[in-house]
Amino acid sequence: MRCNVCGRYTSNEEANFCDYCGSPYREQFQAYHNIQQQNSTQNRYNYGENRGHSGYQQENKPVSFMDFLLSYGLFFIPIAGWIIFFVMLFVWAFSDNTPVSKKNWARATLIFMGVMMIFMIYSLYVLMGLLYQNMISGGFEYNKYIQSFRH
């Protein structure tokens, strides 16, 4: 039997579908197949229109260098710049309108900031413990402080 879509032959005369492309052999399935093929063609060309305002093209559009630079520029806003940057990272990481590349960057930055925060808290905890221990032992001695790092 010969497939009407891909043109390949099969030795199984009782097959309902092509082994290579999956299209139906029987006429009762042909109408269904034609409708499915039209829908997939329409979806392929109208995919951006069906997804709403952001669209397929805008979502997969790469983010420019200047856009990333301006994102880091939020740090330079006086007083609240780092808070705005942190809030915007959450907006960019979990928003549906954000391009994929910026979304991935925001998520990676949030993870990096979390790991660095844990490292800084642990380092502060160790440093405060060492200083407290030195204060109890009779004051700060430079040699003891340096030797504590060697052990």
Protein backbone atom coordinates (compact mmCIF):
# COMPACT_ATOMS: atom_id res chain seq x y z
CA MET A 1 0.00 0.00 0.00
CA ARG A 2 1.29 3.49 -0.89
CA CYS A 3 0.95 6.52 1.41
CA ASN A 4 -0.72 9.55 -0.19
CA VAL A 5 1.27 12.00 1.97
CA CYS A 6 4.89 10.80 2.02
CA GLY A 7 4.76 8.40 -0.96
CA ARG A 8 6.36 5.43 0.80
CA TYR A 9 5.13 1.87 0.49
CA THR A 10 4.23 -0.59 3.23
CA SER A 11 3.83 -4.35 3.00
CA ASN A 12 1.00 -4.46 5.56
CA GLU A 13 -2.23 -4.25 3.54
CA GLU A 14 -4.38 -4.00 6.69
CA ALA A 15 -2.56 -0.97 8.12
CA ASN A 16 -4.69 2.04 8.99
CA PHE A 17 -1.79 4.48 9.26
CA CYS A 18 1.55 4.98 7.51
CA ASP A 19 4.52 3.60 9.46
CA TYR A 20 6.71 6.56 8.44
CA CYS A 21 4.61 9.72 8.69
CA GLY A 22 1.52 8.50 10.58
CA SER A 23 -1.04 9.67 8.03
CA PRO A 24 -4.17 7.50 7.61
CA TYR A 25 -4.58 5.08 4.68
CA ARG A 26 -8.33 4.60 4.83
CA GLU A 27 -10.77 7.07 3.32
CA GLN A 28 -12.81 7.36 6.50
CA PHE A 29 -9.69 8.76 8.18
CA GLN A 30 -8.78 11.03 5.26
CA ALA A 31 -11.30 13.73 6.17
CA TYR A 32 -10.03 13.77 9.76
CA HIS A 33 -6.44 13.92 8.52
CA ASN A 34 -7.19 16.84 6.18
CA ILE A 35 -8.79 18.81 9.01
CA GLN A 36 -5.82 18.09 11.30
CA GLN A 37 -3.39 19.14 8.59
CA GLN A 38 -5.25 22.42 7.99
CA ASN A 39 -5.32 23.16 11.74
CA SER A 40 -1.60 22.50 12.14
CA THR A 41 -0.83 24.73 9.15
CA GLN A 42 -3.01 27.52 10.55
CA ASN A 43 -1.46 27.14 13.99
CA ARG A 44 2.03 27.27 12.51
CA TYR A 45 1.36 30.56 10.72
CA ASN A 46 -0.92 32.16 13.33
CA TYR A 47 0.87 31.01 16.44
CA GLY A 48 1.80 34.54 17.52
CA GLU A 49 -1.74 35.80 17.05
CA ASN A 50 -3.23 32.98 19.14
CA ARG A 51 -0.94 33.61 22.09
CA GLY A 52 -2.20 37.07 22.88
CA HIS A 53 -0.44 40.41 22.93
CA SER A 54 3.11 39.19 23.61
CA GLY A 55 3.18 36.80 20.67
CA TYR A 56 5.57 34.09 19.74
CA GLN A 57 8.05 36.40 18.01
CA GLN A 58 8.36 38.82 20.92
CA GLU A 59 8.70 36.05 23.49
CA ASN A 60 11.61 34.41 21.68
CA LYS A 61 13.25 37.65 20.60
CA PRO A 62 16.75 37.89 22.13
CA VAL A 63 17.26 40.62 24.68
CA SER A 64 19.71 43.30 23.62
CA PHE A 65 22.93 44.20 25.37
CA MET A 66 21.56 47.65 26.18
CA ASP A 67 18.49 46.13 27.85
CA PHE A 68 20.72 44.07 30.17
CA LEU A 69 22.89 47.10 30.85
CA LEU A 70 19.85 49.19 31.77
CA SER A 71 18.66 46.38 34.04
CA TYR A 72 21.90 46.61 36.00
CA GLY A 73 21.56 50.39 35.90
CA LEU A 74 18.74 50.10 38.43
CA PHE A 75 21.45 49.68 41.09
CA PHE A 76 22.49 53.31 40.57
CA ILE A 77 19.14 54.77 41.55
CA PRO A 78 19.80 56.56 44.85
CA ILE A 79 18.51 55.02 48.09
CA ALA A 80 16.17 52.32 46.71
CA GLY A 81 17.93 51.12 43.56
CA TRP A 82 18.95 47.71 44.87
CA ILE A 83 15.42 47.10 46.22
CA ILE A 84 13.90 48.01 42.84
CA PHE A 85 16.41 45.71 41.10
CA PHE A 86 15.56 42.83 43.44
CA VAL A 87 11.79 43.28 42.94
CA MET A 88 12.22 43.55 39.17
CA LEU A 89 14.20 40.29 39.14
CA PHE A 90 11.13 38.54 40.54
CA VAL A 91 8.89 40.27 38.00
CA TRP A 92 11.16 39.30 35.09
CA ALA A 93 11.67 35.75 36.36
CA PHE A 94 7.99 34.87 36.74
CA SER A 95 6.17 37.11 34.24
CA ASP A 96 4.55 35.68 31.10
CA ASN A 97 5.42 38.75 28.98
CA THR A 98 9.17 38.58 29.60
CA PRO A 99 11.38 37.25 26.77
CA VAL A 100 12.81 33.80 27.51
CA SER A 101 16.43 34.98 27.58
CA LYS A 102 15.71 37.71 30.14
CA LYS A 103 13.56 35.32 32.18
CA ASN A 104 16.41 32.80 32.36
CA TRP A 105 18.90 35.55 33.27
CA ALA A 106 16.64 36.81 36.06
CA ARG A 107 16.19 33.31 37.48
CA ALA A 108 19.93 32.62 37.38
CA THR A 109 20.63 35.97 39.06
CA LEU A 110 18.13 35.22 41.83
CA ILE A 111 19.73 31.83 42.47
CA PHE A 112 23.20 33.38 42.48
CA MET A 113 22.07 36.11 44.90
CA GLY A 114 20.55 33.48 47.21
CA VAL A 115 23.74 31.40 47.29
CA MET A 116 25.85 34.50 47.90
CA MET A 117 23.52 35.61 50.72
CA ILE A 118 23.88 32.22 52.44
CA PHE A 119 27.67 32.41 52.04
CA MET A 120 27.79 35.94 53.47
CA ILE A 121 25.62 35.04 56.48
CA TYR A 122 27.78 32.00 57.23
CA SER A 123 30.99 34.06 56.89
CA LEU A 124 29.60 36.73 59.21
CA TYR A 125 28.61 34.07 61.72
CA VAL A 126 32.14 32.59 61.71
CA LEU A 127 33.77 36.02 61.97
CA MET A 128 31.55 37.08 64.86
CA GLY A 129 32.31 33.80 66.65
CA LEU A 130 36.04 34.36 66.27
CA LEU A 131 35.83 37.93 67.49
CA TYR A 132 33.69 36.94 70.46
CA GLN A 133 36.12 34.16 71.34
CA ASN A 134 39.06 36.58 71.19
CA MET A 135 37.27 39.16 73.32
CA ILE A 136 36.61 36.59 76.06
CA SER A 137 40.21 35.38 76.06
CA GLY A 138 41.59 38.79 76.98
CA GLY A 139 41.51 41.00 73.93
CA PHE A 140 42.33 40.86 70.29
CA GLU A 141 45.64 39.25 69.41
CA TYR A 142 46.67 39.34 65.79
CA ASN A 143 48.71 36.12 65.87
CA LYS A 144 45.85 34.11 67.38
CA TYR A 145 43.49 35.53 64.79
CA ILE A 146 45.76 34.47 61.91
CA GLN A 147 46.37 31.02 63.42
CA SER A 148 42.63 30.42 63.77
CA PHE A 149 42.34 30.48 59.99
CA ARG A 150 45.13 27.93 59.56
CA HIS A 151 43.37 25.21 61.58
